[in-house]
Amino acid sequence: MMAQFPMESYQELIARLLAATDKIPALEGKTISGGRLNVAKALAGTVAP
């Protein structure tokens, strides 16, 4: 993530990872994001931090 987005702070990288999750109803309330981490989506830059 740091190599893909070198100008972002670590807080922004964490926000980007959390925004790139795939929402799964069974995980709602069990995880911070309520979903499964999608690293490919985070690295693609399709979500903003």
PDB file of N, CA and C in Angstrom:
ATOM      1  N   MET A   1       0.822  -1.162   0.000  1.00  0.00           N
ATOM      2  CA  MET A   1       0.000   0.000   0.000  1.00  0.00           C
ATOM      3  C   MET A   1       0.885   1.252   0.000  1.00  0.00           C
ATOM      4  N   MET A   2       1.944   1.213   0.788  1.00  0.00           N
ATOM      5  CA  MET A   2       2.809   2.391   0.856  1.00  0.00           C
ATOM      6  C   MET A   2       3.516   2.641  -0.476  1.00  0.00           C
ATOM      7  N   ALA A   3       3.847   1.583  -1.199  1.00  0.00           N
ATOM      8  CA  ALA A   3       4.492   1.748  -2.500  1.00  0.00           C
ATOM      9  C   ALA A   3       3.505   2.284  -3.538  1.00  0.00           C
ATOM     10  N   GLN A   4       2.254   1.871  -3.441  1.00  0.00           N
ATOM     11  CA  GLN A   4       1.229   2.309  -4.392  1.00  0.00           C
ATOM     12  C   GLN A   4       0.795   3.750  -4.135  1.00  0.00           C
ATOM     13  N   PHE A   5       0.745   4.143  -2.851  1.00  0.00           N
ATOM     14  CA  PHE A   5       0.283   5.477  -2.465  1.00  0.00           C
ATOM     15  C   PHE A   5       1.306   6.124  -1.523  1.00  0.00           C
ATOM     16  N   PRO A   6       2.479   6.477  -2.030  1.00  0.00           N
ATOM     17  CA  PRO A   6       3.561   6.964  -1.162  1.00  0.00           C
ATOM     18  C   PRO A   6       3.280   8.300  -0.473  1.00  0.00           C
ATOM     19  N   MET A   7       2.348   9.079  -0.988  1.00  0.00           N
ATOM     20  CA  MET A   7       2.084  10.393  -0.398  1.00  0.00           C
ATOM     21  C   MET A   7       1.045  10.337   0.721  1.00  0.00           C
ATOM     22  N   GLU A   8       0.441   9.186   0.954  1.00  0.00           N
ATOM     23  CA  GLU A   8      -0.594   9.068   1.980  1.00  0.00           C
ATOM     24  C   GLU A   8       0.014   8.698   3.322  1.00  0.00           C
ATOM     25  N   SER A   9      -0.577   9.232   4.384  1.00  0.00           N
ATOM     26  CA  SER A   9      -0.135   8.880   5.733  1.00  0.00           C
ATOM     27  C   SER A   9      -0.641   7.487   6.073  1.00  0.00           C
ATOM     28  N   TYR A  10      -0.141   6.936   7.166  1.00  0.00           N
ATOM     29  CA  TYR A  10      -0.593   5.601   7.525  1.00  0.00           C
ATOM     30  C   TYR A  10      -2.067   5.607   7.922  1.00  0.00           C
ATOM     31  N   GLN A  11      -2.568   6.724   8.467  1.00  0.00           N
ATOM     32  CA  GLN A  11      -3.990   6.821   8.787  1.00  0.00           C
ATOM     33  C   GLN A  11      -4.829   6.767   7.512  1.00  0.00           C
ATOM     34  N   GLU A  12      -4.359   7.419   6.459  1.00  0.00           N
ATOM     35  CA  GLU A  12      -5.070   7.388   5.183  1.00  0.00           C
ATOM     36  C   GLU A  12      -5.033   6.000   4.551  1.00  0.00           C
ATOM     37  N   LEU A  13      -3.915   5.304   4.714  1.00  0.00           N
ATOM     38  CA  LEU A  13      -3.812   3.946   4.179  1.00  0.00           C
ATOM     39  C   LEU A  13      -4.765   3.000   4.914  1.00  0.00           C
ATOM     40  N   ILE A  14      -4.860   3.148   6.218  1.00  0.00           N
ATOM     41  CA  ILE A  14      -5.795   2.336   6.987  1.00  0.00           C
ATOM     42  C   ILE A  14      -7.224   2.635   6.558  1.00  0.00           C
ATOM     43  N   ALA A  15      -7.543   3.917   6.392  1.00  0.00           N
ATOM     44  CA  ALA A  15      -8.884   4.298   5.945  1.00  0.00           C
ATOM     45  C   ALA A  15      -9.180   3.719   4.564  1.00  0.00           C
ATOM     46  N   ARG A  16      -8.185   3.727   3.688  1.00  0.00           N
ATOM     47  CA  ARG A  16      -8.361   3.159   2.350  1.00  0.00           C
ATOM     48  C   ARG A  16      -8.645   1.659   2.437  1.00  0.00           C
ATOM     49  N   LEU A  17      -7.910   0.947   3.281  1.00  0.00           N
ATOM     50  CA  LEU A  17      -8.150  -0.486   3.446  1.00  0.00           C
ATOM     51  C   LEU A  17      -9.546  -0.765   3.994  1.00  0.00           C
ATOM     52  N   LEU A  18      -9.953   0.003   4.982  1.00  0.00           N
ATOM     53  CA  LEU A  18     -11.276  -0.204   5.567  1.00  0.00           C
ATOM     54  C   LEU A  18     -12.390   0.146   4.593  1.00  0.00           C
ATOM     55  N   ALA A  19     -12.156   1.130   3.730  1.00  0.00           N
ATOM     56  CA  ALA A  19     -13.165   1.517   2.739  1.00  0.00           C
ATOM     57  C   ALA A  19     -13.260   0.497   1.604  1.00  0.00           C
ATOM     58  N   ALA A  20     -12.221  -0.322   1.442  1.00  0.00           N
ATOM     59  CA  ALA A  20     -12.178  -1.279   0.337  1.00  0.00           C
ATOM     60  C   ALA A  20     -12.699  -2.656   0.732  1.00  0.00           C
ATOM     61  N   THR A  21     -13.427  -2.741   1.819  1.00  0.00           N
ATOM     62  CA  THR A  21     -13.942  -4.047   2.226  1.00  0.00           C
ATOM     63  C   THR A  21     -15.188  -4.416   1.431  1.00  0.00           C
ATOM     64  N   ASP A  22     -15.419  -5.709   1.330  1.00  0.00           N
ATOM     65  CA  ASP A  22     -16.652  -6.227   0.744  1.00  0.00           C
ATOM     66  C   ASP A  22     -17.607  -6.454   1.908  1.00  0.00           C
ATOM     67  N   LYS A  23     -18.702  -5.716   1.947  1.00  0.00           N
ATOM     68  CA  LYS A  23     -19.653  -5.825   3.047  1.00  0.00           C
ATOM     69  C   LYS A  23     -20.306  -7.203   3.047  1.00  0.00           C
ATOM     70  N   ILE A  24     -20.300  -7.830   4.213  1.00  0.00           N
ATOM     71  CA  ILE A  24     -20.896  -9.159   4.382  1.00  0.00           C
ATOM     72  C   ILE A  24     -21.811  -9.081   5.605  1.00  0.00           C
ATOM     73  N   PRO A  25     -23.102  -9.296   5.418  1.00  0.00           N
ATOM     74  CA  PRO A  25     -24.049  -9.173   6.535  1.00  0.00           C
ATOM     75  C   PRO A  25     -23.673 -10.015   7.755  1.00  0.00           C
ATOM     76  N   ALA A  26     -23.119 -11.189   7.568  1.00  0.00           N
ATOM     77  CA  ALA A  26     -22.751 -12.056   8.686  1.00  0.00           C
ATOM     78  C   ALA A  26     -21.619 -11.465   9.534  1.00  0.00           C
ATOM     79  N   LEU A  27     -20.852 -10.545   8.973  1.00  0.00           N
ATOM     80  CA  LEU A  27     -19.742  -9.935   9.708  1.00  0.00           C
ATOM     81  C   LEU A  27     -20.121  -8.601  10.340  1.00  0.00           C
ATOM     82  N   GLU A  28     -21.315  -8.121  10.074  1.00  0.00           N
ATOM     83  CA  GLU A  28     -21.778  -6.851  10.640  1.00  0.00           C
ATOM     84  C   GLU A  28     -21.766  -6.941  12.168  1.00  0.00           C
ATOM     85  N   GLY A  29     -21.065  -6.015  12.801  1.00  0.00           N
ATOM     86  CA  GLY A  29     -20.960  -6.005  14.248  1.00  0.00           C
ATOM     87  C   GLY A  29     -19.862  -6.900  14.799  1.00  0.00           C
ATOM     88  N   LYS A  30     -19.275  -7.726  13.962  1.00  0.00           N
ATOM     89  CA  LYS A  30     -18.200  -8.613  14.398  1.00  0.00           C
ATOM     90  C   LYS A  30     -16.825  -8.067  14.021  1.00  0.00           C
ATOM     91  N   THR A  31     -16.797  -7.196  13.014  1.00  0.00           N
ATOM     92  CA  THR A  31     -15.540  -6.583  12.583  1.00  0.00           C
ATOM     93  C   THR A  31     -15.725  -5.076  12.510  1.00  0.00           C
ATOM     94  N   ILE A  32     -14.646  -4.355  12.494  1.00  0.00           N
ATOM     95  CA  ILE A  32     -14.708  -2.895  12.419  1.00  0.00           C
ATOM     96  C   ILE A  32     -15.391  -2.443  11.145  1.00  0.00           C
ATOM     97  N   SER A  33     -15.074  -3.100  10.046  1.00  0.00           N
ATOM     98  CA  SER A  33     -15.596  -2.676   8.752  1.00  0.00           C
ATOM     99  C   SER A  33     -16.928  -3.323   8.392  1.00  0.00           C
ATOM    100  N   GLY A  34     -17.267  -4.401   9.082  1.00  0.00           N
ATOM    101  CA  GLY A  34     -18.483  -5.122   8.735  1.00  0.00           C
ATOM    102  C   GLY A  34     -18.342  -5.927   7.463  1.00  0.00           C
ATOM    103  N   GLY A  35     -17.097  -6.224   7.099  1.00  0.00           N
ATOM    104  CA  GLY A  35     -16.900  -6.970   5.862  1.00  0.00           C
ATOM    105  C   GLY A  35     -15.545  -7.632   5.786  1.00  0.00           C
ATOM    106  N   ARG A  36     -15.243  -8.104   4.589  1.00  0.00           N
ATOM    107  CA  ARG A  36     -14.000  -8.823   4.301  1.00  0.00           C
ATOM    108  C   ARG A  36     -13.058  -7.877   3.552  1.00  0.00           C
ATOM    109  N   LEU A  37     -11.801  -7.907   3.917  1.00  0.00           N
ATOM    110  CA  LEU A  37     -10.800  -7.061   3.286  1.00  0.00           C
ATOM    111  C   LEU A  37     -10.626  -7.426   1.821  1.00  0.00           C
ATOM    112  N   ASN A  38     -10.623  -6.410   0.961  1.00  0.00           N
ATOM    113  CA  ASN A  38     -10.415  -6.617  -0.469  1.00  0.00           C
ATOM    114  C   ASN A  38      -9.188  -5.791  -0.867  1.00  0.00           C
ATOM    115  N   VAL A  39      -8.022  -6.402  -0.771  1.00  0.00           N
ATOM    116  CA  VAL A  39      -6.771  -5.701  -1.036  1.00  0.00           C
ATOM    117  C   VAL A  39      -6.660  -5.273  -2.500  1.00  0.00           C
ATOM    118  N   ALA A  40      -7.157  -6.098  -3.397  1.00  0.00           N
ATOM    119  CA  ALA A  40      -7.106  -5.743  -4.817  1.00  0.00           C
ATOM    120  C   ALA A  40      -7.860  -4.446  -5.072  1.00  0.00           C
ATOM    121  N   LYS A  41      -9.014  -4.281  -4.438  1.00  0.00           N
ATOM    122  CA  LYS A  41      -9.798  -3.048  -4.590  1.00  0.00           C
ATOM    123  C   LYS A  41      -9.045  -1.856  -4.003  1.00  0.00           C
ATOM    124  N   ALA A  42      -8.409  -2.062  -2.841  1.00  0.00           N
ATOM    125  CA  ALA A  42      -7.651  -0.988  -2.196  1.00  0.00           C
ATOM    126  C   ALA A  42      -6.460  -0.562  -3.051  1.00  0.00           C
ATOM    127  N   LEU A  43      -5.743  -1.532  -3.626  1.00  0.00           N
ATOM    128  CA  LEU A  43      -4.578  -1.219  -4.453  1.00  0.00           C
ATOM    129  C   LEU A  43      -4.966  -0.616  -5.805  1.00  0.00           C
ATOM    130  N   ALA A  44      -6.141  -0.930  -6.290  1.00  0.00           N
ATOM    131  CA  ALA A  44      -6.590  -0.414  -7.588  1.00  0.00           C
ATOM    132  C   ALA A  44      -6.874   1.082  -7.515  1.00  0.00           C
ATOM    133  N   GLY A  45      -7.039   1.585  -6.318  1.00  0.00           N
ATOM    134  CA  GLY A  45      -7.317   3.018  -6.196  1.00  0.00           C
ATOM    135  C   GLY A  45      -8.744   3.385  -6.507  1.00  0.00           C
ATOM    136  N   THR A  46      -9.660   2.413  -6.453  1.00  0.00           N
ATOM    137  CA  THR A  46     -11.052   2.697  -6.788  1.00  0.00           C
ATOM    138  C   THR A  46     -11.824   3.256  -5.592  1.00  0.00           C
ATOM    139  N   VAL A  47     -11.187   3.271  -4.425  1.00  0.00           N
ATOM    140  CA  VAL A  47     -11.823   3.849  -3.237  1.00  0.00           C
ATOM    141  C   VAL A  47     -10.938   4.959  -2.712  1.00  0.00           C
ATOM    142  N   ALA A  48     -11.540   5.980  -2.185  1.00  0.00           N
ATOM    143  CA  ALA A  48     -10.790   7.081  -1.590  1.00  0.00           C
ATOM    144  C   ALA A  48     -10.723   6.876  -0.090  1.00  0.00           C
ATOM    145  N   PRO A  49      -9.628   7.301   0.530  1.00  0.00           N
ATOM    146  CA  PRO A  49      -9.501   7.139   1.990  1.00  0.00           C
ATOM    147  C   PRO A  49     -10.510   7.998   2.735  1.00  0.00           C
TER     148      PRO A  49
END
